[in-house]
């Protein structure tokens, strides 16, 4: 990074830290930069006689900010010009060239073409396991629908053919599904698969188990899951349908079943936390791209980053770091 400008120095000397600055300071501490750079570096093109490429670490930092703040390529470029916190995190300065939207786009395509999002999730999970935050003794499986634009007002005059509609309750949705398996103890995401919205949840259960768990929790949509997993050593905790419980006569037997249902639900509640993080914290209101492949890379990256966000307090504690304050 080149010498900081006078404007940046004056801005950096202000007293109050914004929430974005606090967030980026925390992520600076918990993201395993060396590991992620080691994953990406073998796939980067070698510099030739053309324009010197931007530093790999700066591009990775820009890519992560784009995911954290739900920014398009043009919006990310503008944020690097407008926001000192974003430039500082990316280790860039206005005294030197700033990556344009095409450069940001090409870096994302590089990650997508080499399926590096899966590797990033894998190595982040390995880090969390070494820190004792992933016990892997139990798994919770669930899925969420991510909406896609249903309009046909586009160049092709049609909706995304890889997205489909599905009915949930009395409402129809159009888009894709993100299926996840999370650690029953910490609620951190271990496995991710994606399908069109109309695909059955239970069909993905075998791909969501990592093979070392002893117990599995799931909602009533996963009835029949044991027959789809070729393992006899698993203990299944699948919720009963509310309509089936409602049909039971009042009495001690029904109360016992309801109590068992609440116990299962208290464990399964942890699976909702990663969904909240990627949808509310990281702003994934709708799919960002066309087709399942690009959106899968995006969703897997978000879940990997959600693990770091959810475990940031424990990770910072292991480093002896103090959480920054916003005021």
C-alpha atoms as a PDB file:
ATOM      1  CA  UNK A   1       0.000   0.000   0.000  1.00  0.00           C
ATOM      2  CA  UNK A   2       1.321   3.459  -0.895  1.00  0.00           C
ATOM      3  CA  UNK A   3       1.545   6.407   1.465  1.00  0.00           C
ATOM      4  CA  UNK A   4      -1.798   7.521   2.901  1.00  0.00           C
ATOM      5  CA  UNK A   5      -3.211  10.777   1.527  1.00  0.00           C
ATOM      6  CA  UNK A   6      -3.839  13.875   3.672  1.00  0.00           C
ATOM      7  CA  UNK A   7      -7.609  13.442   3.296  1.00  0.00           C
ATOM      8  CA  UNK A   8      -7.421   9.822   4.420  1.00  0.00           C
ATOM      9  CA  UNK A   9      -5.198  10.765   7.358  1.00  0.00           C
ATOM     10  CA  UNK A  10      -7.617  13.467   8.482  1.00  0.00           C
ATOM     11  CA  UNK A  11     -10.571  11.081   8.196  1.00  0.00           C
ATOM     12  CA  UNK A  12      -8.711   8.335  10.090  1.00  0.00           C
ATOM     13  CA  UNK A  13      -8.143  10.726  13.002  1.00  0.00           C
ATOM     14  CA  UNK A  14     -11.838  11.112  13.802  1.00  0.00           C
ATOM     15  CA  UNK A  15     -13.018   9.892  17.200  1.00  0.00           C
ATOM     16  CA  UNK A  16     -16.088   7.769  16.449  1.00  0.00           C
ATOM     17  CA  UNK A  17     -15.854   4.419  14.668  1.00  0.00           C
ATOM     18  CA  UNK A  18     -18.733   3.403  12.440  1.00  0.00           C
ATOM     19  CA  UNK A  19     -20.311  -0.033  12.631  1.00  0.00           C
ATOM     20  CA  UNK A  20     -18.738  -0.874   9.290  1.00  0.00           C
ATOM     21  CA  UNK A  21     -15.280  -0.058  10.645  1.00  0.00           C
ATOM     22  CA  UNK A  22     -15.869  -2.173  13.753  1.00  0.00           C
ATOM     23  CA  UNK A  23     -17.124  -5.040  11.602  1.00  0.00           C
ATOM     24  CA  UNK A  24     -14.091  -4.864   9.311  1.00  0.00           C
ATOM     25  CA  UNK A  25     -11.708  -4.697  12.256  1.00  0.00           C
ATOM     26  CA  UNK A  26     -13.229  -7.893  13.644  1.00  0.00           C
ATOM     27  CA  UNK A  27     -13.074  -9.637  10.288  1.00  0.00           C
ATOM     28  CA  UNK A  28      -9.468  -8.531   9.871  1.00  0.00           C
ATOM     29  CA  UNK A  29      -8.656 -10.562  12.965  1.00  0.00           C
ATOM     30  CA  UNK A  30     -10.682 -13.720  12.321  1.00  0.00           C
ATOM     31  CA  UNK A  31     -10.340 -14.327   8.565  1.00  0.00           C
ATOM     32  CA  UNK A  32      -7.501 -16.845   7.907  1.00  0.00           C
ATOM     33  CA  UNK A  33      -5.870 -14.720   5.217  1.00  0.00           C
ATOM     34  CA  UNK A  34      -2.782 -16.855   4.633  1.00  0.00           C
ATOM     35  CA  UNK A  35      -4.849 -20.003   4.137  1.00  0.00           C
ATOM     36  CA  UNK A  36      -7.290 -18.361   1.724  1.00  0.00           C
ATOM     37  CA  UNK A  37      -4.495 -16.799  -0.299  1.00  0.00           C
ATOM     38  CA  UNK A  38      -2.778 -20.185  -0.496  1.00  0.00           C
ATOM     39  CA  UNK A  39      -5.989 -21.700  -1.915  1.00  0.00           C
ATOM     40  CA  UNK A  40      -6.417 -19.020  -4.590  1.00  0.00           C
ATOM     41  CA  UNK A  41      -2.821 -18.297  -5.629  1.00  0.00           C
ATOM     42  CA  UNK A  42      -2.241 -21.441  -7.775  1.00  0.00           C
ATOM     43  CA  UNK A  43      -5.214 -20.466  -9.965  1.00  0.00           C
ATOM     44  CA  UNK A  44      -4.188 -16.858 -10.586  1.00  0.00           C
ATOM     45  CA  UNK A  45      -2.728 -15.968 -14.000  1.00  0.00           C
ATOM     46  CA  UNK A  46       0.984 -15.182 -14.115  1.00  0.00           C
ATOM     47  CA  UNK A  47       1.805 -11.530 -14.758  1.00  0.00           C
ATOM     48  CA  UNK A  48       3.105 -10.862 -18.252  1.00  0.00           C
ATOM     49  CA  UNK A  49       4.010  -7.734 -20.165  1.00  0.00           C
ATOM     50  CA  UNK A  50       0.616  -6.140 -19.739  1.00  0.00           C
ATOM     51  CA  UNK A  51      -0.690  -4.017 -16.908  1.00  0.00           C
ATOM     52  CA  UNK A  52       0.537  -5.116 -13.506  1.00  0.00           C
ATOM     53  CA  UNK A  53      -2.237  -7.045 -11.705  1.00  0.00           C
ATOM     54  CA  UNK A  54      -3.628  -5.826  -8.417  1.00  0.00           C
ATOM     55  CA  UNK A  55      -2.280  -7.593  -5.312  1.00  0.00           C
ATOM     56  CA  UNK A  56      -4.078 -10.881  -4.729  1.00  0.00           C
ATOM     57  CA  UNK A  57      -4.750 -10.059  -1.102  1.00  0.00           C
ATOM     58  CA  UNK A  58      -6.385  -6.753  -2.047  1.00  0.00           C
ATOM     59  CA  UNK A  59      -8.664  -8.494  -4.552  1.00  0.00           C
ATOM     60  CA  UNK A  60      -9.618 -11.130  -1.979  1.00  0.00           C
ATOM     61  CA  UNK A  61     -10.446  -8.406   0.538  1.00  0.00           C
ATOM     62  CA  UNK A  62     -12.567  -6.590  -2.049  1.00  0.00           C
ATOM     63  CA  UNK A  63     -14.370  -9.843  -2.870  1.00  0.00           C
ATOM     64  CA  UNK A  64     -15.176 -10.523   0.778  1.00  0.00           C
ATOM     65  CA  UNK A  65     -16.475  -6.984   1.309  1.00  0.00           C
ATOM     66  CA  UNK A  66     -18.673  -7.411  -1.742  1.00  0.00           C
ATOM     67  CA  UNK A  67     -20.216 -10.478  -0.106  1.00  0.00           C
ATOM     68  CA  UNK A  68     -20.510  -8.956   3.363  1.00  0.00           C
ATOM     69  CA  UNK A  69     -22.246  -5.784   2.184  1.00  0.00           C
ATOM     70  CA  UNK A  70     -24.259  -7.214  -0.764  1.00  0.00           C
ATOM     71  CA  UNK A  71     -22.650  -4.891  -3.311  1.00  0.00           C
ATOM     72  CA  UNK A  72     -22.755  -5.234  -7.085  1.00  0.00           C
ATOM     73  CA  UNK A  73     -19.529  -4.875  -9.061  1.00  0.00           C
ATOM     74  CA  UNK A  74     -20.150  -1.167  -9.885  1.00  0.00           C
ATOM     75  CA  UNK A  75     -21.271  -0.470  -6.305  1.00  0.00           C
ATOM     76  CA  UNK A  76     -18.135  -2.131  -4.926  1.00  0.00           C
ATOM     77  CA  UNK A  77     -15.933   0.014  -7.162  1.00  0.00           C
ATOM     78  CA  UNK A  78     -17.725   3.156  -6.001  1.00  0.00           C
ATOM     79  CA  UNK A  79     -17.424   2.087  -2.349  1.00  0.00           C
ATOM     80  CA  UNK A  80     -13.643   1.892  -2.774  1.00  0.00           C
ATOM     81  CA  UNK A  81     -13.647   5.503  -3.939  1.00  0.00           C
ATOM     82  CA  UNK A  82     -16.213   6.787  -1.423  1.00  0.00           C
ATOM     83  CA  UNK A  83     -15.342   4.936   1.777  1.00  0.00           C
ATOM     84  CA  UNK A  84     -11.970   5.106   3.514  1.00  0.00           C
ATOM     85  CA  UNK A  85     -12.861   2.115   5.700  1.00  0.00           C
ATOM     86  CA  UNK A  86     -13.311  -0.029   2.561  1.00  0.00           C
ATOM     87  CA  UNK A  87     -10.075   1.215   0.981  1.00  0.00           C
ATOM     88  CA  UNK A  88      -8.104   0.705   4.174  1.00  0.00           C
ATOM     89  CA  UNK A  89      -9.447  -2.826   4.596  1.00  0.00           C
ATOM     90  CA  UNK A  90      -8.520  -3.617   0.971  1.00  0.00           C
ATOM     91  CA  UNK A  91      -5.096  -2.008   1.534  1.00  0.00           C
ATOM     92  CA  UNK A  92      -5.644   0.428  -1.300  1.00  0.00           C
ATOM     93  CA  UNK A  93      -5.206   4.190  -1.581  1.00  0.00           C
ATOM     94  CA  UNK A  94      -6.479   6.943  -3.863  1.00  0.00           C
ATOM     95  CA  UNK A  95      -2.829   7.638  -4.693  1.00  0.00           C
ATOM     96  CA  UNK A  96      -2.782   4.417  -6.722  1.00  0.00           C
ATOM     97  CA  UNK A  97      -5.209   2.799  -9.193  1.00  0.00           C
ATOM     98  CA  UNK A  98      -8.434   1.364  -7.756  1.00  0.00           C
ATOM     99  CA  UNK A  99      -9.831  -1.926  -9.174  1.00  0.00           C
ATOM    100  CA  UNK A 100     -12.675  -1.213 -11.560  1.00  0.00           C
ATOM    101  CA  UNK A 101     -15.889  -3.214 -11.811  1.00  0.00           C
ATOM    102  CA  UNK A 102     -14.517  -5.437 -14.613  1.00  0.00           C
ATOM    103  CA  UNK A 103     -11.491  -6.402 -12.508  1.00  0.00           C
ATOM    104  CA  UNK A 104     -13.779  -7.217  -9.581  1.00  0.00           C
ATOM    105  CA  UNK A 105     -16.008  -9.267 -11.902  1.00  0.00           C
ATOM    106  CA  UNK A 106     -13.053 -11.207 -13.337  1.00  0.00           C
ATOM    107  CA  UNK A 107     -11.775 -12.108  -9.879  1.00  0.00           C
ATOM    108  CA  UNK A 108     -15.163 -13.518  -8.924  1.00  0.00           C
ATOM    109  CA  UNK A 109     -15.269 -15.502 -12.167  1.00  0.00           C
ATOM    110  CA  UNK A 110     -11.830 -16.905 -11.325  1.00  0.00           C
ATOM    111  CA  UNK A 111     -13.150 -18.259  -8.026  1.00  0.00           C
ATOM    112  CA  UNK A 112     -16.291 -19.639  -9.683  1.00  0.00           C
ATOM    113  CA  UNK A 113     -14.427 -21.338 -12.537  1.00  0.00           C
ATOM    114  CA  UNK A 114     -12.189 -23.234 -10.111  1.00  0.00           C
ATOM    115  CA  UNK A 115     -14.895 -24.074  -7.523  1.00  0.00           C
ATOM    116  CA  UNK A 116     -12.867 -22.362  -4.825  1.00  0.00           C
ATOM    117  CA  UNK A 117     -15.870 -21.492  -2.656  1.00  0.00           C
ATOM    118  CA  UNK A 118     -16.093 -25.140  -1.550  1.00  0.00           C
ATOM    119  CA  UNK A 119     -12.383 -25.126  -0.678  1.00  0.00           C
ATOM    120  CA  UNK A 120     -12.802 -21.923   1.320  1.00  0.00           C
ATOM    121  CA  UNK A 121     -15.651 -23.463   3.346  1.00  0.00           C
ATOM    122  CA  UNK A 122     -13.629 -26.637   3.873  1.00  0.00           C
ATOM    123  CA  UNK A 123     -10.538 -24.849   5.177  1.00  0.00           C
ATOM    124  CA  UNK A 124     -12.552 -22.510   7.395  1.00  0.00           C
ATOM    125  CA  UNK A 125     -14.240 -25.570   8.907  1.00  0.00           C
ATOM    126  CA  UNK A 126     -10.833 -27.140   9.465  1.00  0.00           C
ATOM    127  CA  UNK A 127      -9.704 -23.989  11.282  1.00  0.00           C
ATOM    128  CA  UNK A 128     -12.815 -23.965  13.480  1.00  0.00           C
ATOM    129  CA  UNK A 129     -12.362 -27.664  14.254  1.00  0.00           C
ATOM    130  CA  UNK A 130      -8.758 -27.055  15.358  1.00  0.00           C
ATOM    131  CA  UNK A 131     -10.008 -24.291  17.636  1.00  0.00           C
ATOM    132  CA  UNK A 132     -12.481 -26.729  19.204  1.00  0.00           C
ATOM    133  CA  UNK A 133     -15.551 -24.930  17.833  1.00  0.00           C
ATOM    134  CA  UNK A 134     -16.769 -27.816  15.642  1.00  0.00           C
ATOM    135  CA  UNK A 135     -17.384 -31.003  17.612  1.00  0.00           C
ATOM    136  CA  UNK A 136     -19.013 -32.955  14.736  1.00  0.00           C
ATOM    137  CA  UNK A 137     -20.905 -35.306  17.064  1.00  0.00           C
ATOM    138  CA  UNK A 138     -24.286 -34.217  15.820  1.00  0.00           C
ATOM    139  CA  UNK A 139     -25.724 -32.537  12.721  1.00  0.00           C
ATOM    140  CA  UNK A 140     -28.840 -30.478  12.052  1.00  0.00           C
ATOM    141  CA  UNK A 141     -30.152 -30.340   8.478  1.00  0.00           C
ATOM    142  CA  UNK A 142     -32.523 -27.810   6.973  1.00  0.00           C
ATOM    143  CA  UNK A 143     -33.161 -25.776   3.835  1.00  0.00           C
ATOM    144  CA  UNK A 144     -34.285 -22.277   2.915  1.00  0.00           C
ATOM    145  CA  UNK A 145     -35.754 -20.842  -0.268  1.00  0.00           C
ATOM    146  CA  UNK A 146     -33.881 -17.946  -1.863  1.00  0.00           C
ATOM    147  CA  UNK A 147     -36.125 -16.022  -4.208  1.00  0.00           C
ATOM    148  CA  UNK A 148     -35.195 -15.246  -7.814  1.00  0.00           C
ATOM    149  CA  UNK A 149     -36.680 -12.594 -10.126  1.00  0.00           C
ATOM    150  CA  UNK A 150     -39.812 -14.008 -11.723  1.00  0.00           C
ATOM    151  CA  UNK A 151     -40.104 -11.271 -14.332  1.00  0.00           C
ATOM    152  CA  UNK A 152     -39.629 -12.096 -18.013  1.00  0.00           C
ATOM    153  CA  UNK A 153     -38.677  -8.516 -18.906  1.00  0.00           C
ATOM    154  CA  UNK A 154     -35.106  -9.337 -19.890  1.00  0.00           C
ATOM    155  CA  UNK A 155     -33.041  -9.947 -23.019  1.00  0.00           C
ATOM    156  CA  UNK A 156     -34.165 -13.594 -23.288  1.00  0.00           C
ATOM    157  CA  UNK A 157     -37.804 -12.893 -22.471  1.00  0.00           C
ATOM    158  CA  UNK A 158     -37.938 -15.772 -19.994  1.00  0.00           C
ATOM    159  CA  UNK A 159     -37.306 -16.637 -16.368  1.00  0.00           C
ATOM    160  CA  UNK A 160     -34.123 -18.354 -15.271  1.00  0.00           C
ATOM    161  CA  UNK A 161     -34.638 -21.976 -16.481  1.00  0.00           C
ATOM    162  CA  UNK A 162     -32.605 -23.359 -13.551  1.00  0.00           C
ATOM    163  CA  UNK A 163     -34.918 -21.757 -10.995  1.00  0.00           C
ATOM    164  CA  UNK A 164     -38.360 -23.190 -10.289  1.00  0.00           C
ATOM    165  CA  UNK A 165     -41.398 -22.449  -8.197  1.00  0.00           C
ATOM    166  CA  UNK A 166     -42.412 -24.260  -5.042  1.00  0.00           C
ATOM    167  CA  UNK A 167     -45.308 -24.003  -2.640  1.00  0.00           C
ATOM    168  CA  UNK A 168     -44.639 -23.474   1.052  1.00  0.00           C
ATOM    169  CA  UNK A 169     -47.761 -23.385   3.144  1.00  0.00           C
ATOM    170  CA  UNK A 170     -50.271 -21.437   1.073  1.00  0.00           C
ATOM    171  CA  UNK A 171     -47.699 -19.302  -0.719  1.00  0.00           C
ATOM    172  CA  UNK A 172     -45.765 -19.890  -3.924  1.00  0.00           C
ATOM    173  CA  UNK A 173     -42.082 -19.025  -4.266  1.00  0.00           C
ATOM    174  CA  UNK A 174     -39.819 -18.912  -7.322  1.00  0.00           C
ATOM    175  CA  UNK A 175     -36.102 -19.435  -6.935  1.00  0.00           C
ATOM    176  CA  UNK A 176     -33.580 -21.894  -5.499  1.00  0.00           C
ATOM    177  CA  UNK A 177     -33.000 -23.771  -2.252  1.00  0.00           C
ATOM    178  CA  UNK A 178     -29.922 -23.724  -0.067  1.00  0.00           C
ATOM    179  CA  UNK A 179     -29.579 -26.935   1.968  1.00  0.00           C
ATOM    180  CA  UNK A 180     -27.178 -26.917   4.915  1.00  0.00           C
ATOM    181  CA  UNK A 181     -25.889 -29.244   7.593  1.00  0.00           C
ATOM    182  CA  UNK A 182     -24.759 -27.498  10.767  1.00  0.00           C
ATOM    183  CA  UNK A 183     -22.934 -28.592  13.886  1.00  0.00           C
ATOM    184  CA  UNK A 184     -25.503 -29.406  16.577  1.00  0.00           C
ATOM    185  CA  UNK A 185     -23.334 -27.898  19.304  1.00  0.00           C
ATOM    186  CA  UNK A 186     -22.197 -24.599  17.755  1.00  0.00           C
ATOM    187  CA  UNK A 187     -24.675 -24.065  14.904  1.00  0.00           C
ATOM    188  CA  UNK A 188     -21.809 -23.513  12.439  1.00  0.00           C
ATOM    189  CA  UNK A 189     -22.302 -24.611   8.836  1.00  0.00           C
ATOM    190  CA  UNK A 190     -20.405 -27.731   7.790  1.00  0.00           C
ATOM    191  CA  UNK A 191     -21.946 -28.693   4.436  1.00  0.00           C
ATOM    192  CA  UNK A 192     -23.924 -26.875   1.737  1.00  0.00           C
ATOM    193  CA  UNK A 193     -25.823 -28.030  -1.344  1.00  0.00           C
ATOM    194  CA  UNK A 194     -28.159 -26.133  -3.649  1.00  0.00           C
ATOM    195  CA  UNK A 195     -31.108 -27.132  -5.838  1.00  0.00           C
ATOM    196  CA  UNK A 196     -34.044 -25.559  -7.610  1.00  0.00           C
ATOM    197  CA  UNK A 197     -36.788 -24.549  -5.172  1.00  0.00           C
ATOM    198  CA  UNK A 198     -39.093 -27.447  -6.037  1.00  0.00           C
ATOM    199  CA  UNK A 199     -36.597 -30.174  -5.097  1.00  0.00           C
ATOM    200  CA  UNK A 200     -37.468 -32.175  -1.984  1.00  0.00           C
ATOM    201  CA  UNK A 201     -35.410 -31.440   1.139  1.00  0.00           C
ATOM    202  CA  UNK A 202     -35.091 -35.104   2.061  1.00  0.00           C
ATOM    203  CA  UNK A 203     -33.335 -35.957  -1.211  1.00  0.00           C
ATOM    204  CA  UNK A 204     -30.302 -33.894  -0.143  1.00  0.00           C
ATOM    205  CA  UNK A 205     -29.868 -35.313   3.354  1.00  0.00           C
ATOM    206  CA  UNK A 206     -27.142 -37.832   2.439  1.00  0.00           C
ATOM    207  CA  UNK A 207     -24.964 -35.061   0.950  1.00  0.00           C
ATOM    208  CA  UNK A 208     -25.388 -32.897   4.059  1.00  0.00           C
ATOM    209  CA  UNK A 209     -23.934 -35.435   6.503  1.00  0.00           C
ATOM    210  CA  UNK A 210     -20.155 -35.401   6.928  1.00  0.00           C
ATOM    211  CA  UNK A 211     -19.987 -39.039   8.120  1.00  0.00           C
ATOM    212  CA  UNK A 212     -18.702 -38.560  11.667  1.00  0.00           C
ATOM    213  CA  UNK A 213     -21.906 -37.509  13.405  1.00  0.00           C
ATOM    214  CA  UNK A 214     -23.768 -39.816  15.752  1.00  0.00           C
ATOM    215  CA  UNK A 215     -27.089 -37.949  15.836  1.00  0.00           C
ATOM    216  CA  UNK A 216     -29.125 -35.993  13.289  1.00  0.00           C
ATOM    217  CA  UNK A 217     -31.922 -33.476  13.915  1.00  0.00           C
ATOM    218  CA  UNK A 218     -34.405 -32.413  11.229  1.00  0.00           C
ATOM    219  CA  UNK A 219     -37.910 -31.046  10.800  1.00  0.00           C
ATOM    220  CA  UNK A 220     -40.920 -33.003   9.568  1.00  0.00           C
ATOM    221  CA  UNK A 221     -39.928 -32.435   5.934  1.00  0.00           C
ATOM    222  CA  UNK A 222     -37.175 -35.032   6.394  1.00  0.00           C
ATOM    223  CA  UNK A 223     -39.389 -37.967   7.268  1.00  0.00           C
ATOM    224  CA  UNK A 224     -37.996 -40.941   5.400  1.00  0.00           C
ATOM    225  CA  UNK A 225     -34.439 -39.620   5.648  1.00  0.00           C
ATOM    226  CA  UNK A 226     -33.086 -42.744   7.439  1.00  0.00           C
ATOM    227  CA  UNK A 227     -33.886 -44.856   4.394  1.00  0.00           C
ATOM    228  CA  UNK A 228     -31.815 -42.499   2.193  1.00  0.00           C
ATOM    229  CA  UNK A 229     -28.677 -42.702   4.327  1.00  0.00           C
ATOM    230  CA  UNK A 230     -26.759 -45.971   4.305  1.00  0.00           C
ATOM    231  CA  UNK A 231     -25.770 -45.891   7.976  1.00  0.00           C
ATOM    232  CA  UNK A 232     -27.139 -47.950  10.860  1.00  0.00           C
ATOM    233  CA  UNK A 233     -25.247 -46.116  13.612  1.00  0.00           C
ATOM    234  CA  UNK A 234     -27.193 -42.841  13.401  1.00  0.00           C
ATOM    235  CA  UNK A 235     -29.761 -41.705  15.924  1.00  0.00           C
ATOM    236  CA  UNK A 236     -32.455 -39.666  14.176  1.00  0.00           C
ATOM    237  CA  UNK A 237     -34.501 -36.881  15.787  1.00  0.00           C
ATOM    238  CA  UNK A 238     -37.110 -35.950  13.201  1.00  0.00           C
ATOM    239  CA  UNK A 239     -40.002 -33.723  14.211  1.00  0.00           C
ATOM    240  CA  UNK A 240     -43.551 -34.976  13.877  1.00  0.00           C
ATOM    241  CA  UNK A 241     -46.046 -33.105  11.766  1.00  0.00           C
ATOM    242  CA  UNK A 242     -48.065 -30.576  13.785  1.00  0.00           C
ATOM    243  CA  UNK A 243     -51.229 -31.868  12.112  1.00  0.00           C
ATOM    244  CA  UNK A 244     -50.463 -35.413  13.312  1.00  0.00           C
ATOM    245  CA  UNK A 245     -50.003 -34.240  16.895  1.00  0.00           C
ATOM    246  CA  UNK A 246     -53.204 -32.180  16.750  1.00  0.00           C
ATOM    247  CA  UNK A 247     -55.193 -35.313  15.878  1.00  0.00           C
ATOM    248  CA  UNK A 248     -54.108 -37.106  19.063  1.00  0.00           C
ATOM    249  CA  UNK A 249     -56.549 -37.189  21.984  1.00  0.00           C
ATOM    250  CA  UNK A 250     -55.773 -34.913  24.904  1.00  0.00           C
ATOM    251  CA  UNK A 251     -53.948 -36.627  27.727  1.00  0.00           C
ATOM    252  CA  UNK A 252     -50.616 -37.693  29.098  1.00  0.00           C
ATOM    253  CA  UNK A 253     -49.465 -39.392  25.884  1.00  0.00           C
ATOM    254  CA  UNK A 254     -50.041 -36.262  23.810  1.00  0.00           C
ATOM    255  CA  UNK A 255     -48.311 -34.065  26.395  1.00  0.00           C
ATOM    256  CA  UNK A 256     -45.286 -36.390  26.340  1.00  0.00           C
ATOM    257  CA  UNK A 257     -45.064 -36.186  22.541  1.00  0.00           C
ATOM    258  CA  UNK A 258     -45.336 -32.391  22.631  1.00  0.00           C
ATOM    259  CA  UNK A 259     -42.580 -32.197  25.229  1.00  0.00           C
ATOM    260  CA  UNK A 260     -40.317 -34.356  23.071  1.00  0.00           C
ATOM    261  CA  UNK A 261     -41.121 -32.124  20.093  1.00  0.00           C
ATOM    262  CA  UNK A 262     -40.064 -29.021  22.024  1.00  0.00           C
ATOM    263  CA  UNK A 263     -36.783 -30.687  23.014  1.00  0.00           C
ATOM    264  CA  UNK A 264     -36.026 -31.438  19.367  1.00  0.00           C
ATOM    265  CA  UNK A 265     -37.033 -27.928  18.326  1.00  0.00           C
ATOM    266  CA  UNK A 266     -34.685 -26.359  20.886  1.00  0.00           C
ATOM    267  CA  UNK A 267     -31.777 -28.111  19.192  1.00  0.00           C
ATOM    268  CA  UNK A 268     -33.002 -27.507  15.633  1.00  0.00           C
ATOM    269  CA  UNK A 269     -33.337 -23.764  16.302  1.00  0.00           C
ATOM    270  CA  UNK A 270     -29.577 -23.393  15.800  1.00  0.00           C
ATOM    271  CA  UNK A 271     -29.913 -24.154  12.105  1.00  0.00           C
ATOM    272  CA  UNK A 272     -31.871 -20.928  11.611  1.00  0.00           C
ATOM    273  CA  UNK A 273     -28.988 -18.719  12.745  1.00  0.00           C
ATOM    274  CA  UNK A 274     -26.849 -19.091   9.574  1.00  0.00           C
ATOM    275  CA  UNK A 275     -29.936 -18.369   7.456  1.00  0.00           C
ATOM    276  CA  UNK A 276     -30.482 -15.162   9.442  1.00  0.00           C
ATOM    277  CA  UNK A 277     -26.857 -14.118   9.000  1.00  0.00           C
ATOM    278  CA  UNK A 278     -26.724 -14.512   5.224  1.00  0.00           C
ATOM    279  CA  UNK A 279     -30.189 -13.024   4.649  1.00  0.00           C
ATOM    280  CA  UNK A 280     -30.246 -10.213   7.224  1.00  0.00           C
ATOM    281  CA  UNK A 281     -26.643  -9.552   8.159  1.00  0.00           C
ATOM    282  CA  UNK A 282     -25.220 -10.036   4.640  1.00  0.00           C
ATOM    283  CA  UNK A 283     -28.331  -8.937   2.734  1.00  0.00           C
ATOM    284  CA  UNK A 284     -29.093 -11.978   0.545  1.00  0.00           C
ATOM    285  CA  UNK A 285     -32.705 -11.035  -0.173  1.00  0.00           C
ATOM    286  CA  UNK A 286     -32.669 -12.566  -3.674  1.00  0.00           C
ATOM    287  CA  UNK A 287     -30.257 -14.529  -5.839  1.00  0.00           C
ATOM    288  CA  UNK A 288     -27.585 -12.284  -7.319  1.00  0.00           C
ATOM    289  CA  UNK A 289     -26.866 -14.133 -10.555  1.00  0.00           C
ATOM    290  CA  UNK A 290     -28.453 -16.244 -13.271  1.00  0.00           C
ATOM    291  CA  UNK A 291     -28.079 -20.025 -13.047  1.00  0.00           C
ATOM    292  CA  UNK A 292     -27.362 -22.364 -10.161  1.00  0.00           C
ATOM    293  CA  UNK A 293     -23.569 -22.573 -10.568  1.00  0.00           C
ATOM    294  CA  UNK A 294     -22.830 -18.890  -9.912  1.00  0.00           C
ATOM    295  CA  UNK A 295     -25.399 -18.657  -7.150  1.00  0.00           C
ATOM    296  CA  UNK A 296     -24.038 -21.811  -5.518  1.00  0.00           C
ATOM    297  CA  UNK A 297     -20.548 -20.291  -5.364  1.00  0.00           C
ATOM    298  CA  UNK A 298     -22.046 -17.139  -3.871  1.00  0.00           C
ATOM    299  CA  UNK A 299     -24.146 -18.971  -1.273  1.00  0.00           C
ATOM    300  CA  UNK A 300     -21.308 -21.294  -0.203  1.00  0.00           C
ATOM    301  CA  UNK A 301     -19.021 -18.285   0.246  1.00  0.00           C
ATOM    302  CA  UNK A 302     -21.650 -16.541   2.364  1.00  0.00           C
ATOM    303  CA  UNK A 303     -22.073 -19.579   4.625  1.00  0.00           C
ATOM    304  CA  UNK A 304     -18.300 -19.842   5.044  1.00  0.00           C
ATOM    305  CA  UNK A 305     -18.202 -16.169   6.035  1.00  0.00           C
ATOM    306  CA  UNK A 306     -21.209 -16.641   8.332  1.00  0.00           C
ATOM    307  CA  UNK A 307     -19.202 -19.252  10.265  1.00  0.00           C
ATOM    308  CA  UNK A 308     -16.464 -16.687  10.885  1.00  0.00           C
ATOM    309  CA  UNK A 309     -19.019 -14.060  11.855  1.00  0.00           C
ATOM    310  CA  UNK A 310     -20.845 -16.350  14.291  1.00  0.00           C
ATOM    311  CA  UNK A 311     -17.607 -17.623  15.839  1.00  0.00           C
ATOM    312  CA  UNK A 312     -15.777 -14.285  15.896  1.00  0.00           C
ATOM    313  CA  UNK A 313     -15.996 -13.798  19.681  1.00  0.00           C
ATOM    314  CA  UNK A 314     -14.498 -17.221  20.414  1.00  0.00           C
ATOM    315  CA  UNK A 315     -11.832 -16.824  17.720  1.00  0.00           C
ATOM    316  CA  UNK A 316     -10.803 -13.408  19.012  1.00  0.00           C
ATOM    317  CA  UNK A 317     -10.687 -14.767  22.551  1.00  0.00           C
ATOM    318  CA  UNK A 318      -8.225 -17.461  21.483  1.00  0.00           C
ATOM    319  CA  UNK A 319      -6.014 -14.716  20.024  1.00  0.00           C
ATOM    320  CA  UNK A 320      -6.218 -12.590  23.161  1.00  0.00           C
ATOM    321  CA  UNK A 321      -7.799  -9.789  21.085  1.00  0.00           C
ATOM    322  CA  UNK A 322     -10.289  -7.277  22.458  1.00  0.00           C
ATOM    323  CA  UNK A 323     -13.419  -6.555  20.436  1.00  0.00           C
ATOM    324  CA  UNK A 324     -13.449  -2.966  19.073  1.00  0.00           C
ATOM    325  CA  UNK A 325     -16.235  -0.600  20.111  1.00  0.00           C
ATOM    326  CA  UNK A 326     -18.368   1.471  17.789  1.00  0.00           C
ATOM    327  CA  UNK A 327     -18.178   4.560  20.005  1.00  0.00           C
END
